[in-house]
C-alpha atoms as a PDB file:
ATOM      1  CA  MET A   1     183.642   8.419 255.910  1.00  0.00           C
ATOM      2  CA  ALA A   2     182.591  10.659 252.989  1.00  0.00           C
ATOM      3  CA  SER A   3     180.063  13.721 253.543  1.00  0.00           C
ATOM      4  CA  GLY A   4     176.011  13.357 253.043  1.00  0.00           C
ATOM      5  CA  ARG A   5     176.451  15.802 250.318  1.00  0.00           C
ATOM      6  CA  GLU A   6     179.149  13.540 248.181  1.00  0.00           C
ATOM      7  CA  ILE A   7     177.083  10.212 249.041  1.00  0.00           C
ATOM      8  CA  LYS A   8     174.230  11.641 247.738  1.00  0.00           C
ATOM      9  CA  THR A   9     175.945  12.629 244.472  1.00  0.00           C
ATOM     10  CA  LYS A  10     176.878   9.031 244.088  1.00  0.00           C
ATOM     11  CA  ILE A  11     173.334   7.802 244.802  1.00  0.00           C
ATOM     12  CA  LYS A  12     172.215  10.114 242.361  1.00  0.00           C
ATOM     13  CA  SER A  13     174.791   8.914 239.475  1.00  0.00           C
ATOM     14  CA  THR A  14     173.968   5.588 240.074  1.00  0.00           C
ATOM     15  CA  GLN A  15     170.220   6.168 240.001  1.00  0.00           C
ATOM     16  CA  ASN A  16     170.339   7.629 236.237  1.00  0.00           C
ATOM     17  CA  MET A  17     172.902   4.553 235.425  1.00  0.00           C
ATOM     18  CA  ARG A  18     170.069   2.273 236.792  1.00  0.00           C
ATOM     19  CA  LYS A  19     167.577   3.947 234.503  1.00  0.00           C
ATOM     20  CA  VAL A  20     169.824   3.507 231.469  1.00  0.00           C
ATOM     21  CA  THR A  21     170.607  -0.486 231.712  1.00  0.00           C
ATOM     22  CA  ARG A  22     166.671  -0.825 232.171  1.00  0.00           C
ATOM     23  CA  ALA A  23     165.816   0.914 229.189  1.00  0.00           C
ATOM     24  CA  LEU A  24     168.459  -1.274 227.722  1.00  0.00           C
ATOM     25  CA  GLU A  25     167.177  -4.549 229.361  1.00  0.00           C
ATOM     26  CA  MET A  26     163.808  -3.918 227.919  1.00  0.00           C
ATOM     27  CA  VAL A  27     165.014  -2.678 224.651  1.00  0.00           C
ATOM     28  CA  SER A  28     166.513  -5.998 224.133  1.00  0.00           C
ATOM     29  CA  ALA A  29     163.750  -7.781 225.847  1.00  0.00           C
ATOM     30  CA  SER A  30     161.415  -6.225 222.890  1.00  0.00           C
ATOM     31  CA  LYS A  31     164.056  -7.544 220.222  1.00  0.00           C
ATOM     32  CA  ILE A  32     165.244 -10.592 221.141  1.00  0.00           C
ATOM     33  CA  ARG A  33     161.321 -12.382 220.314  1.00  0.00           C
ATOM     34  CA  LYS A  34     161.455 -10.862 216.721  1.00  0.00           C
ATOM     35  CA  ALA A  35     165.183 -11.962 216.229  1.00  0.00           C
ATOM     36  CA  GLN A  36     164.447 -15.720 217.547  1.00  0.00           C
ATOM     37  CA  ASP A  37     161.378 -15.747 215.117  1.00  0.00           C
ATOM     38  CA  LEU A  38     163.738 -14.961 212.186  1.00  0.00           C
ATOM     39  CA  MET A  39     166.677 -17.504 213.288  1.00  0.00           C
ATOM     40  CA  LYS A  40     163.935 -20.360 213.986  1.00  0.00           C
ATOM     41  CA  ALA A  41     162.163 -19.633 210.631  1.00  0.00           C
ATOM     42  CA  SER A  42     165.718 -20.303 208.534  1.00  0.00           C
ATOM     43  CA  ARG A  43     167.028 -23.231 210.718  1.00  0.00           C
ATOM     44  CA  PRO A  44     164.870 -25.655 208.813  1.00  0.00           C
ATOM     45  CA  TYR A  45     166.273 -24.582 205.408  1.00  0.00           C
ATOM     46  CA  ALA A  46     169.819 -24.276 206.689  1.00  0.00           C
ATOM     47  CA  ARG A  47     169.911 -27.759 207.921  1.00  0.00           C
ATOM     48  CA  ALA A  48     168.333 -29.355 204.867  1.00  0.00           C
ATOM     49  CA  MET A  49     171.108 -27.040 202.745  1.00  0.00           C
ATOM     50  CA  ARG A  50     173.671 -28.894 204.705  1.00  0.00           C
ATOM     51  CA  LYS A  51     172.157 -32.521 204.219  1.00  0.00           C
ATOM     52  CA  VAL A  52     172.000 -31.743 200.658  1.00  0.00           C
ATOM     53  CA  ILE A  53     175.395 -30.718 200.365  1.00  0.00           C
ATOM     54  CA  ALA A  54     177.116 -33.432 202.160  1.00  0.00           C
ATOM     55  CA  HIS A  55     175.813 -35.799 199.775  1.00  0.00           C
ATOM     56  CA  VAL A  56     176.835 -33.851 197.160  1.00  0.00           C
ATOM     57  CA  ALA A  57     180.163 -34.001 198.566  1.00  0.00           C
ATOM     58  CA  GLN A  58     180.187 -37.659 198.527  1.00  0.00           C
ATOM     59  CA  ALA A  59     178.829 -38.246 195.002  1.00  0.00           C
ATOM     60  CA  SER A  60     180.990 -39.303 192.340  1.00  0.00           C
ATOM     61  CA  THR A  61     180.433 -36.889 189.779  1.00  0.00           C
ATOM     62  CA  GLU A  62     182.746 -36.559 186.676  1.00  0.00           C
ATOM     63  CA  PHE A  63     182.872 -32.684 186.933  1.00  0.00           C
ATOM     64  CA  LYS A  64     184.848 -31.569 190.081  1.00  0.00           C
ATOM     65  CA  HIS A  65     183.666 -28.184 191.506  1.00  0.00           C
ATOM     66  CA  PRO A  66     186.475 -26.624 193.321  1.00  0.00           C
ATOM     67  CA  PHE A  67     184.689 -26.405 196.098  1.00  0.00           C
ATOM     68  CA  LEU A  68     184.553 -30.160 196.193  1.00  0.00           C
ATOM     69  CA  VAL A  69     188.160 -30.859 195.958  1.00  0.00           C
ATOM     70  CA  GLU A  70     190.146 -30.896 199.248  1.00  0.00           C
ATOM     71  CA  ARG A  71     193.462 -29.724 198.740  1.00  0.00           C
ATOM     72  CA  ALA A  72     196.640 -31.727 200.332  1.00  0.00           C
ATOM     73  CA  GLU A  73     198.555 -28.521 201.296  1.00  0.00           C
ATOM     74  CA  VAL A  74     196.929 -25.725 203.184  1.00  0.00           C
ATOM     75  CA  ALA A  75     199.007 -22.624 202.813  1.00  0.00           C
ATOM     76  CA  ARG A  76     196.250 -20.007 203.528  1.00  0.00           C
ATOM     77  CA  VAL A  77     192.842 -20.243 205.554  1.00  0.00           C
ATOM     78  CA  ALA A  78     190.330 -17.599 205.656  1.00  0.00           C
ATOM     79  CA  TYR A  79     187.763 -17.192 208.651  1.00  0.00           C
ATOM     80  CA  VAL A  80     183.964 -15.480 208.160  1.00  0.00           C
ATOM     81  CA  VAL A  81     183.745 -13.925 211.706  1.00  0.00           C
ATOM     82  CA  VAL A  82     180.318 -12.813 212.649  1.00  0.00           C
ATOM     83  CA  THR A  83     180.221 -10.289 215.779  1.00  0.00           C
ATOM     84  CA  THR A  84     178.124  -7.361 216.934  1.00  0.00           C
ATOM     85  CA  ASP A  85     178.038  -3.918 215.860  1.00  0.00           C
ATOM     86  CA  ARG A  86     177.379  -2.660 219.594  1.00  0.00           C
ATOM     87  CA  GLY A  87     178.940  -3.677 222.914  1.00  0.00           C
ATOM     88  CA  LEU A  88     177.056  -3.627 226.490  1.00  0.00           C
ATOM     89  CA  CYS A  89     176.016  -7.543 225.376  1.00  0.00           C
ATOM     90  CA  GLY A  90     178.533  -9.434 228.386  1.00  0.00           C
ATOM     91  CA  GLY A  91     181.181 -11.577 227.292  1.00  0.00           C
ATOM     92  CA  LEU A  92     179.471 -12.773 223.828  1.00  0.00           C
ATOM     93  CA  ASN A  93     182.148 -11.078 221.411  1.00  0.00           C
ATOM     94  CA  SER A  94     185.287 -11.658 223.906  1.00  0.00           C
ATOM     95  CA  ASN A  95     184.219 -15.459 224.132  1.00  0.00           C
ATOM     96  CA  LEU A  96     184.208 -15.914 220.426  1.00  0.00           C
ATOM     97  CA  PHE A  97     187.599 -14.454 219.831  1.00  0.00           C
ATOM     98  CA  ARG A  98     188.803 -16.195 222.778  1.00  0.00           C
ATOM     99  CA  ARG A  99     187.431 -19.082 220.774  1.00  0.00           C
ATOM    100  CA  LEU A 100     189.076 -18.561 217.591  1.00  0.00           C
ATOM    101  CA  LEU A 101     192.475 -16.909 218.777  1.00  0.00           C
ATOM    102  CA  PRO A 102     194.134 -20.482 219.344  1.00  0.00           C
ATOM    103  CA  ALA A 103     192.730 -21.717 216.108  1.00  0.00           C
ATOM    104  CA  ILE A 104     194.375 -18.910 214.759  1.00  0.00           C
ATOM    105  CA  ARG A 105     197.767 -19.052 216.048  1.00  0.00           C
ATOM    106  CA  GLU A 106     197.713 -22.908 215.349  1.00  0.00           C
ATOM    107  CA  TRP A 107     197.691 -22.463 211.410  1.00  0.00           C
ATOM    108  CA  GLN A 108     200.290 -19.375 211.921  1.00  0.00           C
ATOM    109  CA  ASP A 109     202.735 -21.722 213.929  1.00  0.00           C
ATOM    110  CA  LYS A 110     202.532 -23.962 210.712  1.00  0.00           C
ATOM    111  CA  GLY A 111     203.288 -21.450 208.503  1.00  0.00           C
ATOM    112  CA  VAL A 112     199.786 -20.897 206.916  1.00  0.00           C
ATOM    113  CA  GLN A 113     198.415 -17.337 206.336  1.00  0.00           C
ATOM    114  CA  VAL A 114     195.159 -16.458 207.820  1.00  0.00           C
ATOM    115  CA  ASP A 115     192.619 -14.046 205.820  1.00  0.00           C
ATOM    116  CA  VAL A 116     189.803 -12.932 208.105  1.00  0.00           C
ATOM    117  CA  VAL A 117     186.207 -11.191 206.855  1.00  0.00           C
ATOM    118  CA  ALA A 118     184.563  -9.255 209.229  1.00  0.00           C
ATOM    119  CA  ILE A 119     180.918  -9.050 209.951  1.00  0.00           C
ATOM    120  CA  GLY A 120     180.062  -6.653 212.407  1.00  0.00           C
ATOM    121  CA  GLN A 121     181.746  -3.298 214.013  1.00  0.00           C
ATOM    122  CA  LYS A 122     183.232  -5.473 216.916  1.00  0.00           C
ATOM    123  CA  ALA A 123     184.963  -7.962 214.487  1.00  0.00           C
ATOM    124  CA  VAL A 124     186.236  -5.008 212.355  1.00  0.00           C
ATOM    125  CA  GLN A 125     188.155  -3.138 215.167  1.00  0.00           C
ATOM    126  CA  PHE A 126     189.504  -6.592 217.074  1.00  0.00           C
ATOM    127  CA  PHE A 127     191.174  -7.692 214.130  1.00  0.00           C
ATOM    128  CA  ARG A 128     192.786  -4.490 212.775  1.00  0.00           C
ATOM    129  CA  ARG A 129     194.642  -4.507 216.128  1.00  0.00           C
ATOM    130  CA  LEU A 130     195.592  -7.985 215.745  1.00  0.00           C
ATOM    131  CA  LYS A 131     198.829  -8.414 214.277  1.00  0.00           C
ATOM    132  CA  GLY A 132     199.640 -11.372 211.405  1.00  0.00           C
ATOM    133  CA  VAL A 133     195.871 -11.493 210.182  1.00  0.00           C
ATOM    134  CA  ASN A 134     194.868  -9.979 207.010  1.00  0.00           C
ATOM    135  CA  LEU A 135     191.334  -8.487 206.927  1.00  0.00           C
ATOM    136  CA  ILE A 136     190.231  -8.723 203.091  1.00  0.00           C
ATOM    137  CA  GLY A 137     186.786  -7.798 204.000  1.00  0.00           C
ATOM    138  CA  SER A 138     183.894  -6.625 206.245  1.00  0.00           C
ATOM    139  CA  THR A 139     180.685  -5.357 206.509  1.00  0.00           C
ATOM    140  CA  THR A 140     178.436  -3.715 209.489  1.00  0.00           C
ATOM    141  CA  HIS A 141     175.680  -2.238 210.475  1.00  0.00           C
ATOM    142  CA  LEU A 142     173.395  -4.667 209.034  1.00  0.00           C
ATOM    143  CA  GLY A 143     170.608  -4.145 211.344  1.00  0.00           C
ATOM    144  CA  GLU A 144     167.705  -5.819 213.499  1.00  0.00           C
ATOM    145  CA  ARG A 145     166.529  -7.450 210.223  1.00  0.00           C
ATOM    146  CA  PRO A 146     169.691  -8.448 207.756  1.00  0.00           C
ATOM    147  CA  LYS A 147     169.312  -8.936 204.483  1.00  0.00           C
ATOM    148  CA  LEU A 148     171.386 -11.314 202.328  1.00  0.00           C
ATOM    149  CA  GLU A 149     172.049  -8.492 199.963  1.00  0.00           C
ATOM    150  CA  GLN A 150     174.341  -6.869 202.610  1.00  0.00           C
ATOM    151  CA  LEU A 151     176.310  -9.980 202.774  1.00  0.00           C
ATOM    152  CA  ILE A 152     176.779 -10.924 199.160  1.00  0.00           C
ATOM    153  CA  GLY A 153     179.847  -8.693 198.920  1.00  0.00           C
ATOM    154  CA  VAL A 154     181.712 -10.212 201.736  1.00  0.00           C
ATOM    155  CA  ILE A 155     180.786 -13.881 200.617  1.00  0.00           C
ATOM    156  CA  LYS A 156     181.947 -13.386 197.068  1.00  0.00           C
ATOM    157  CA  VAL A 157     185.318 -12.148 198.218  1.00  0.00           C
ATOM    158  CA  VAL A 158     185.869 -15.396 199.694  1.00  0.00           C
ATOM    159  CA  LEU A 159     184.381 -17.548 197.112  1.00  0.00           C
ATOM    160  CA  ASP A 160     186.483 -16.064 194.340  1.00  0.00           C
ATOM    161  CA  ALA A 161     189.496 -16.367 196.519  1.00  0.00           C
ATOM    162  CA  TYR A 162     189.202 -20.238 197.040  1.00  0.00           C
ATOM    163  CA  THR A 163     188.148 -20.512 193.311  1.00  0.00           C
ATOM    164  CA  GLU A 164     191.072 -19.317 192.069  1.00  0.00           C
ATOM    165  CA  GLY A 165     193.405 -21.494 194.485  1.00  0.00           C
ATOM    166  CA  LYS A 166     194.263 -18.449 197.068  1.00  0.00           C
ATOM    167  CA  LEU A 167     192.669 -20.289 199.803  1.00  0.00           C
ATOM    168  CA  ASP A 168     192.385 -23.742 201.025  1.00  0.00           C
ATOM    169  CA  ARG A 169     190.116 -23.496 203.876  1.00  0.00           C
ATOM    170  CA  VAL A 170     187.307 -21.504 204.858  1.00  0.00           C
ATOM    171  CA  TYR A 171     185.672 -21.546 208.481  1.00  0.00           C
ATOM    172  CA  LEU A 172     182.736 -19.541 209.823  1.00  0.00           C
ATOM    173  CA  ALA A 173     183.124 -18.195 213.484  1.00  0.00           C
ATOM    174  CA  TYR A 174     179.666 -17.040 215.004  1.00  0.00           C
ATOM    175  CA  ASN A 175     177.836 -17.028 218.592  1.00  0.00           C
ATOM    176  CA  ASP A 176     175.349 -20.147 218.438  1.00  0.00           C
ATOM    177  CA  PHE A 177     172.281 -19.207 220.029  1.00  0.00           C
ATOM    178  CA  VAL A 178     171.031 -21.870 222.565  1.00  0.00           C
ATOM    179  CA  ASN A 179     168.649 -20.292 224.908  1.00  0.00           C
ATOM    180  CA  THR A 180     168.297 -17.179 226.493  1.00  0.00           C
ATOM    181  CA  MET A 181     171.124 -17.973 228.937  1.00  0.00           C
ATOM    182  CA  THR A 182     173.663 -19.450 226.801  1.00  0.00           C
ATOM    183  CA  GLN A 183     175.350 -18.703 223.816  1.00  0.00           C
ATOM    184  CA  LYS A 184     177.964 -20.782 222.425  1.00  0.00           C
ATOM    185  CA  PRO A 185     181.068 -19.627 220.529  1.00  0.00           C
ATOM    186  CA  THR A 186     181.046 -21.878 217.327  1.00  0.00           C
ATOM    187  CA  MET A 187     183.228 -22.489 214.532  1.00  0.00           C
ATOM    188  CA  ASP A 188     182.066 -24.530 211.471  1.00  0.00           C
ATOM    189  CA  ALA A 189     183.988 -25.594 207.812  1.00  0.00           C
ATOM    190  CA  LEU A 190     182.686 -23.883 205.114  1.00  0.00           C
ATOM    191  CA  LEU A 191     185.139 -24.912 202.585  1.00  0.00           C
ATOM    192  CA  PRO A 192     185.966 -27.373 201.518  1.00  0.00           C
ATOM    193  CA  LEU A 193     182.833 -29.426 201.104  1.00  0.00           C
ATOM    194  CA  PRO A 194     184.415 -33.029 202.104  1.00  0.00           C
ATOM    195  CA  ALA A 195     185.742 -31.382 205.080  1.00  0.00           C
ATOM    196  CA  VAL A 196     182.011 -29.973 205.951  1.00  0.00           C
ATOM    197  CA  ALA A 197     180.350 -33.353 205.482  1.00  0.00           C
ATOM    198  CA  ALA A 198     182.868 -35.232 207.809  1.00  0.00           C
ATOM    199  CA  GLU A 199     182.292 -32.252 210.512  1.00  0.00           C
ATOM    200  CA  LEU A 200     178.794 -32.931 210.151  1.00  0.00           C
ATOM    201  CA  GLU A 201     178.853 -36.575 210.724  1.00  0.00           C
ATOM    202  CA  ALA A 202     181.244 -36.497 213.842  1.00  0.00           C
ATOM    203  CA  GLN A 203     178.730 -34.017 215.184  1.00  0.00           C
ATOM    204  CA  ASN A 204     175.828 -36.153 214.118  1.00  0.00           C
ATOM    205  CA  ILE A 205     174.129 -33.096 212.566  1.00  0.00           C
ATOM    206  CA  ALA A 206     171.370 -33.317 209.796  1.00  0.00           C
ATOM    207  CA  GLY A 207     171.394 -37.294 209.776  1.00  0.00           C
ATOM    208  CA  VAL A 208     174.528 -37.276 207.810  1.00  0.00           C
ATOM    209  CA  THR A 209     176.684 -40.442 207.230  1.00  0.00           C
ATOM    210  CA  LEU A 210     179.634 -40.994 205.034  1.00  0.00           C
ATOM    211  CA  GLU A 211     180.345 -43.855 203.131  1.00  0.00           C
ATOM    212  CA  GLN A 212     183.488 -45.769 202.495  1.00  0.00           C
ATOM    213  CA  SER A 213     183.117 -46.354 199.032  1.00  0.00           C
ATOM    214  CA  HIS A 214     180.463 -45.748 196.509  1.00  0.00           C
ATOM    215  CA  ASP A 215     180.119 -44.526 192.699  1.00  0.00           C
ATOM    216  CA  TRP A 216     176.601 -42.803 192.536  1.00  0.00           C
ATOM    217  CA  ASP A 217     176.268 -39.954 191.345  1.00  0.00           C
ATOM    218  CA  TYR A 218     172.890 -37.114 190.807  1.00  0.00           C
ATOM    219  CA  ILE A 219     171.469 -36.722 187.198  1.00  0.00           C
ATOM    220  CA  TYR A 220     172.108 -32.890 186.533  1.00  0.00           C
ATOM    221  CA  GLU A 221     169.878 -30.886 184.195  1.00  0.00           C
ATOM    222  CA  PRO A 222     171.165 -28.691 182.163  1.00  0.00           C
ATOM    223  CA  ASP A 223     174.569 -29.687 183.193  1.00  0.00           C
ATOM    224  CA  ALA A 224     176.792 -30.426 186.297  1.00  0.00           C
ATOM    225  CA  ALA A 225     178.901 -27.342 186.025  1.00  0.00           C
ATOM    226  CA  ALA A 226     175.677 -24.792 186.068  1.00  0.00           C
ATOM    227  CA  VAL A 227     173.595 -26.613 188.765  1.00  0.00           C
ATOM    228  CA  LEU A 228     177.017 -27.204 191.092  1.00  0.00           C
ATOM    229  CA  GLU A 229     177.856 -23.383 190.892  1.00  0.00           C
ATOM    230  CA  HIS A 230     174.293 -22.406 191.503  1.00  0.00           C
ATOM    231  CA  VAL A 231     173.541 -25.099 194.699  1.00  0.00           C
ATOM    232  CA  LEU A 232     177.206 -24.506 195.790  1.00  0.00           C
ATOM    233  CA  GLY A 233     177.017 -20.762 196.064  1.00  0.00           C
ATOM    234  CA  ARG A 234     173.401 -20.828 197.660  1.00  0.00           C
ATOM    235  CA  TYR A 235     174.678 -22.783 200.495  1.00  0.00           C
ATOM    236  CA  ILE A 236     177.600 -20.620 201.200  1.00  0.00           C
ATOM    237  CA  GLU A 237     175.222 -17.857 201.366  1.00  0.00           C
ATOM    238  CA  CYS A 238     172.862 -19.264 203.246  1.00  0.00           C
ATOM    239  CA  VAL A 239     175.103 -21.176 206.288  1.00  0.00           C
ATOM    240  CA  VAL A 240     176.464 -17.191 206.654  1.00  0.00           C
ATOM    241  CA  TYR A 241     173.202 -15.694 207.015  1.00  0.00           C
ATOM    242  CA  GLN A 242     171.988 -18.128 209.255  1.00  0.00           C
ATOM    243  CA  GLY A 243     175.298 -17.811 211.131  1.00  0.00           C
ATOM    244  CA  VAL A 244     174.070 -13.719 211.379  1.00  0.00           C
ATOM    245  CA  LEU A 245     170.923 -14.401 212.592  1.00  0.00           C
ATOM    246  CA  GLU A 246     171.840 -16.810 215.166  1.00  0.00           C
ATOM    247  CA  ASN A 247     174.365 -14.215 216.175  1.00  0.00           C
ATOM    248  CA  LEU A 248     171.480 -11.083 216.264  1.00  0.00           C
ATOM    249  CA  ALA A 249     169.548 -13.241 218.642  1.00  0.00           C
ATOM    250  CA  SER A 250     172.718 -14.156 220.819  1.00  0.00           C
ATOM    251  CA  GLU A 251     173.175 -10.297 220.856  1.00  0.00           C
ATOM    252  CA  HIS A 252     170.039  -9.592 222.180  1.00  0.00           C
ATOM    253  CA  ALA A 253     169.897 -12.419 224.824  1.00  0.00           C
ATOM    254  CA  ALA A 254     173.071 -11.459 226.007  1.00  0.00           C
ATOM    255  CA  ARG A 255     172.400  -8.048 226.322  1.00  0.00           C
ATOM    256  CA  MET A 256     169.423  -8.362 228.329  1.00  0.00           C
ATOM    257  CA  VAL A 257     170.787 -10.804 230.882  1.00  0.00           C
ATOM    258  CA  ALA A 258     174.156  -8.380 230.989  1.00  0.00           C
ATOM    259  CA  MET A 259     171.764  -5.372 231.558  1.00  0.00           C
ATOM    260  CA  LYS A 260     169.384  -7.014 234.135  1.00  0.00           C
ATOM    261  CA  SER A 261     172.887  -8.220 236.346  1.00  0.00           C
ATOM    262  CA  ALA A 262     173.970  -4.359 235.803  1.00  0.00           C
ATOM    263  CA  SER A 263     170.796  -2.905 236.828  1.00  0.00           C
ATOM    264  CA  ASP A 264     170.380  -5.332 240.210  1.00  0.00           C
ATOM    265  CA  ASN A 265     174.251  -4.356 241.025  1.00  0.00           C
ATOM    266  CA  ALA A 266     173.359  -0.695 240.363  1.00  0.00           C
ATOM    267  CA  SER A 267     170.080  -1.087 243.081  1.00  0.00           C
ATOM    268  CA  LYS A 268     172.604  -3.220 245.805  1.00  0.00           C
ATOM    269  CA  VAL A 269     174.931   0.131 245.289  1.00  0.00           C
ATOM    270  CA  ILE A 270     172.326   2.512 245.820  1.00  0.00           C
ATOM    271  CA  ALA A 271     171.017   0.571 249.079  1.00  0.00           C
ATOM    272  CA  GLU A 272     174.588   0.362 250.361  1.00  0.00           C
ATOM    273  CA  LEU A 273     175.051   4.269 249.595  1.00  0.00           C
ATOM    274  CA  THR A 274     171.523   5.252 251.436  1.00  0.00           C
ATOM    275  CA  LEU A 275     172.619   3.049 254.323  1.00  0.00           C
ATOM    276  CA  SER A 276     175.974   4.904 254.286  1.00  0.00           C
ATOM    277  CA  TYR A 277     174.117   8.428 253.801  1.00  0.00           C
ATOM    278  CA  ASN A 278     171.792   7.702 256.604  1.00  0.00           C
ATOM    279  CA  LYS A 279     174.720   6.995 259.006  1.00  0.00           C
ATOM    280  CA  ALA A 280     176.652  10.060 257.904  1.00  0.00           C
ATOM    281  CA  ARG A 281     173.504  12.324 258.319  1.00  0.00           C
ATOM    282  CA  GLN A 282     172.718  10.481 261.817  1.00  0.00           C
ATOM    283  CA  ALA A 283     176.193  11.295 262.761  1.00  0.00           C
ATOM    284  CA  ALA A 284     175.855  14.800 261.914  1.00  0.00           C
ATOM    285  CA  ILE A 285     172.569  15.296 263.793  1.00  0.00           C
ATOM    286  CA  THR A 286     174.104  13.576 266.844  1.00  0.00           C
ATOM    287  CA  GLN A 287     177.322  16.259 266.346  1.00  0.00           C
ATOM    288  CA  GLU A 288     175.272  19.224 266.591  1.00  0.00           C
ATOM    289  CA  ILE A 289     173.141  17.989 269.277  1.00  0.00           C
ATOM    290  CA  SER A 290     175.924  17.578 271.301  1.00  0.00           C
ATOM    291  CA  GLU A 291     177.545  20.970 270.392  1.00  0.00           C
ATOM    292  CA  ILE A 292     174.382  22.562 271.627  1.00  0.00           C
ATOM    293  CA  VAL A 293     174.224  20.574 274.561  1.00  0.00           C
ATOM    294  CA  GLY A 294     178.010  21.264 275.358  1.00  0.00           C
ATOM    295  CA  GLY A 295     177.004  24.992 274.648  1.00  0.00           C
ATOM    296  CA  ALA A 296     174.264  25.229 277.085  1.00  0.00           C
ATOM    297  CA  ALA A 297     176.078  23.689 279.927  1.00  0.00           C
ATOM    298  CA  ALA A 298     179.033  25.937 279.507  1.00  0.00           C
ATOM    299  CA  VAL A 299     176.336  29.046 280.130  1.00  0.00           C
END
């Protein structure tokens, strides 16, 4: 059995650790409400944009924007991966990577090159170590109120590469906020738009139903090229920004739950160590009494 002094040192260090975990839990609990408000405020706009784009993808327009063309052969794909900047949020990031890696390996087994745009410090660190994946862009430290301007640079890298024909598929990977206890690793198709529309219909999102045969089109002012260029660019920015907000709310929820669990575990360890300390102290006192009594009897 360890000495009383050693046990007391362990109790003190565990108490200090519990103070840290409780402080982190309280910080995340105070921030999660603001993050949820931001996320919920942008959800209706993101859903409306998805529905509009799904219908635009079905239109029979004479002008074919590169985003509307589904290429038969896929030689290169890109993933926009949204993670946290800091750790101590349980398995939030690792679950996303575990969901993402099989999809990347599946493309690589087909001989397809994989590019990654990392949003968040954890994604940057992970994909810098991962062989066979090209990290073509990154942005970190978006803060508690992410701004769209912080994402435009990395989004433009992907859009320009797709427009130039260097990419054939683009996906968005992030943690979807379900509730405080559940965050779901999610991968959504971003480009081409016919694949997005098919995915929305398969998941029954936004009430999208694809028509097998159609010959209708929208009336564009001033012209189809200018309107589609603006609308489709806004759509990509909107979906990526929504993914960042979803991931931010997921981060605070996961950290709050993880730190509460750590605090509870620390309390259990302190209780066990306190019991061991009392036993060691009692044994030491009993030994001292026995020595005194033995000495008195010898005299």
